[in-house]
């Protein structure tokens, strides 16, 4: 892959990692995913467990930054992060369910 302007501009517009870096919530998304998936080397987590962990994170951030800092529910954020136009999370049924 060449790193010319057109290629980089196309990546900036379409690649999930670039979209994450451009997101207003990039620090929340990246730090949360690092804490729950990368640091403990976890690759699969139930939605309920993930939502509970994010709700705890949001509670702490709201306490620190004010109640309006992250107004949506944890599940709303997770659904947004798993949307096709984001691609930061993947939803799937567990094998054998």
C-alpha atoms as a PDB file:
ATOM      1  CA  UNK A   1       0.000   0.000   0.000  1.00  0.00           C
ATOM      2  CA  UNK A   2       1.305   3.413  -0.879  1.00  0.00           C
ATOM      3  CA  UNK A   3       0.908   6.236   1.586  1.00  0.00           C
ATOM      4  CA  UNK A   4      -0.051   8.893  -0.916  1.00  0.00           C
ATOM      5  CA  UNK A   5      -2.655  11.538  -0.217  1.00  0.00           C
ATOM      6  CA  UNK A   6      -5.546   9.767  -1.946  1.00  0.00           C
ATOM      7  CA  UNK A   7      -4.910   6.475  -0.133  1.00  0.00           C
ATOM      8  CA  UNK A   8      -4.613   8.119   3.262  1.00  0.00           C
ATOM      9  CA  UNK A   9      -7.703  10.239   2.673  1.00  0.00           C
ATOM     10  CA  UNK A  10      -9.684   7.134   1.695  1.00  0.00           C
ATOM     11  CA  UNK A  11      -8.472   5.342   4.825  1.00  0.00           C
ATOM     12  CA  UNK A  12      -9.339   8.363   6.965  1.00  0.00           C
ATOM     13  CA  UNK A  13     -12.889   8.260   5.659  1.00  0.00           C
ATOM     14  CA  UNK A  14     -13.478   4.496   5.687  1.00  0.00           C
ATOM     15  CA  UNK A  15     -11.178   2.615   8.067  1.00  0.00           C
ATOM     16  CA  UNK A  16     -12.654   1.860  11.529  1.00  0.00           C
ATOM     17  CA  UNK A  17      -9.427   2.831  13.329  1.00  0.00           C
ATOM     18  CA  UNK A  18      -9.336   6.226  11.637  1.00  0.00           C
ATOM     19  CA  UNK A  19     -13.029   6.757  12.412  1.00  0.00           C
ATOM     20  CA  UNK A  20     -12.286   5.947  16.047  1.00  0.00           C
ATOM     21  CA  UNK A  21      -9.474   8.487  16.211  1.00  0.00           C
ATOM     22  CA  UNK A  22     -11.782  11.135  14.712  1.00  0.00           C
ATOM     23  CA  UNK A  23     -14.602  10.327  17.147  1.00  0.00           C
ATOM     24  CA  UNK A  24     -15.527  12.750  19.932  1.00  0.00           C
ATOM     25  CA  UNK A  25     -15.551   9.772  22.294  1.00  0.00           C
ATOM     26  CA  UNK A  26     -12.225   8.260  21.179  1.00  0.00           C
ATOM     27  CA  UNK A  27     -10.657   8.479  24.669  1.00  0.00           C
ATOM     28  CA  UNK A  28     -13.644   6.672  26.217  1.00  0.00           C
ATOM     29  CA  UNK A  29     -13.836   3.983  23.528  1.00  0.00           C
ATOM     30  CA  UNK A  30     -10.108   3.264  23.358  1.00  0.00           C
ATOM     31  CA  UNK A  31      -9.499   3.290  27.109  1.00  0.00           C
ATOM     32  CA  UNK A  32     -12.559   1.151  27.841  1.00  0.00           C
ATOM     33  CA  UNK A  33     -11.782  -1.438  25.160  1.00  0.00           C
ATOM     34  CA  UNK A  34      -8.164  -1.551  26.353  1.00  0.00           C
ATOM     35  CA  UNK A  35      -9.257  -2.131  29.943  1.00  0.00           C
ATOM     36  CA  UNK A  36     -11.876  -4.829  29.293  1.00  0.00           C
ATOM     37  CA  UNK A  37     -10.396  -6.674  26.311  1.00  0.00           C
ATOM     38  CA  UNK A  38      -6.696  -6.010  25.719  1.00  0.00           C
ATOM     39  CA  UNK A  39      -5.253  -5.813  29.242  1.00  0.00           C
ATOM     40  CA  UNK A  40      -6.910  -9.032  30.506  1.00  0.00           C
ATOM     41  CA  UNK A  41      -6.514 -10.736  27.067  1.00  0.00           C
ATOM     42  CA  UNK A  42     -10.272 -11.296  26.704  1.00  0.00           C
ATOM     43  CA  UNK A  43     -11.696 -11.776  23.215  1.00  0.00           C
ATOM     44  CA  UNK A  44     -15.370 -12.528  23.904  1.00  0.00           C
ATOM     45  CA  UNK A  45     -17.666 -11.047  26.533  1.00  0.00           C
ATOM     46  CA  UNK A  46     -21.413 -11.287  27.089  1.00  0.00           C
ATOM     47  CA  UNK A  47     -23.289  -8.107  26.252  1.00  0.00           C
ATOM     48  CA  UNK A  48     -24.697  -7.837  29.778  1.00  0.00           C
ATOM     49  CA  UNK A  49     -21.220  -8.046  31.326  1.00  0.00           C
ATOM     50  CA  UNK A  50     -19.826  -5.520  28.868  1.00  0.00           C
ATOM     51  CA  UNK A  51     -22.729  -3.128  29.496  1.00  0.00           C
ATOM     52  CA  UNK A  52     -22.241  -3.430  33.247  1.00  0.00           C
ATOM     53  CA  UNK A  53     -18.522  -2.673  32.935  1.00  0.00           C
ATOM     54  CA  UNK A  54     -19.224   0.334  30.715  1.00  0.00           C
ATOM     55  CA  UNK A  55     -21.940   1.585  33.058  1.00  0.00           C
ATOM     56  CA  UNK A  56     -19.388   1.530  35.890  1.00  0.00           C
ATOM     57  CA  UNK A  57     -16.938   3.452  33.699  1.00  0.00           C
ATOM     58  CA  UNK A  58     -19.587   6.009  32.742  1.00  0.00           C
ATOM     59  CA  UNK A  59     -20.587   6.469  36.377  1.00  0.00           C
ATOM     60  CA  UNK A  60     -16.988   7.284  37.319  1.00  0.00           C
ATOM     61  CA  UNK A  61     -16.568   9.651  34.370  1.00  0.00           C
ATOM     62  CA  UNK A  62     -19.839  11.442  35.112  1.00  0.00           C
ATOM     63  CA  UNK A  63     -18.752  11.843  38.717  1.00  0.00           C
ATOM     64  CA  UNK A  64     -15.478  13.351  37.508  1.00  0.00           C
ATOM     65  CA  UNK A  65     -16.698  15.384  34.514  1.00  0.00           C
ATOM     66  CA  UNK A  66     -20.314  16.133  35.391  1.00  0.00           C
ATOM     67  CA  UNK A  67     -23.602  14.382  34.762  1.00  0.00           C
ATOM     68  CA  UNK A  68     -23.871  15.668  31.188  1.00  0.00           C
ATOM     69  CA  UNK A  69     -20.499  14.298  30.075  1.00  0.00           C
ATOM     70  CA  UNK A  70     -21.908  11.028  28.707  1.00  0.00           C
ATOM     71  CA  UNK A  71     -25.714  11.289  28.691  1.00  0.00           C
ATOM     72  CA  UNK A  72     -26.589   7.979  27.029  1.00  0.00           C
ATOM     73  CA  UNK A  73     -26.877   4.540  28.584  1.00  0.00           C
ATOM     74  CA  UNK A  74     -24.037   2.048  28.365  1.00  0.00           C
ATOM     75  CA  UNK A  75     -26.075  -0.158  26.050  1.00  0.00           C
ATOM     76  CA  UNK A  76     -26.707   2.765  23.690  1.00  0.00           C
ATOM     77  CA  UNK A  77     -22.976   3.435  23.473  1.00  0.00           C
ATOM     78  CA  UNK A  78     -22.196  -0.258  22.905  1.00  0.00           C
ATOM     79  CA  UNK A  79     -24.799  -0.507  20.136  1.00  0.00           C
ATOM     80  CA  UNK A  80     -23.315   2.587  18.529  1.00  0.00           C
ATOM     81  CA  UNK A  81     -19.788   1.171  18.726  1.00  0.00           C
ATOM     82  CA  UNK A  82     -20.964  -2.087  17.107  1.00  0.00           C
ATOM     83  CA  UNK A  83     -22.853  -0.375  14.272  1.00  0.00           C
ATOM     84  CA  UNK A  84     -21.711  -1.115  10.723  1.00  0.00           C
ATOM     85  CA  UNK A  85     -20.447   2.424  10.229  1.00  0.00           C
ATOM     86  CA  UNK A  86     -18.239   2.148  13.331  1.00  0.00           C
ATOM     87  CA  UNK A  87     -16.978  -1.426  13.549  1.00  0.00           C
ATOM     88  CA  UNK A  88     -15.209  -1.035  16.891  1.00  0.00           C
ATOM     89  CA  UNK A  89     -17.106  -3.967  18.407  1.00  0.00           C
ATOM     90  CA  UNK A  90     -18.669  -7.051  16.879  1.00  0.00           C
ATOM     91  CA  UNK A  91     -21.954  -8.625  17.950  1.00  0.00           C
ATOM     92  CA  UNK A  92     -22.542 -12.324  17.421  1.00  0.00           C
ATOM     93  CA  UNK A  93     -24.321 -15.279  18.951  1.00  0.00           C
ATOM     94  CA  UNK A  94     -22.143 -17.520  21.078  1.00  0.00           C
ATOM     95  CA  UNK A  95     -21.351 -20.853  19.519  1.00  0.00           C
ATOM     96  CA  UNK A  96     -23.905 -23.458  20.561  1.00  0.00           C
ATOM     97  CA  UNK A  97     -26.561 -20.971  21.622  1.00  0.00           C
END
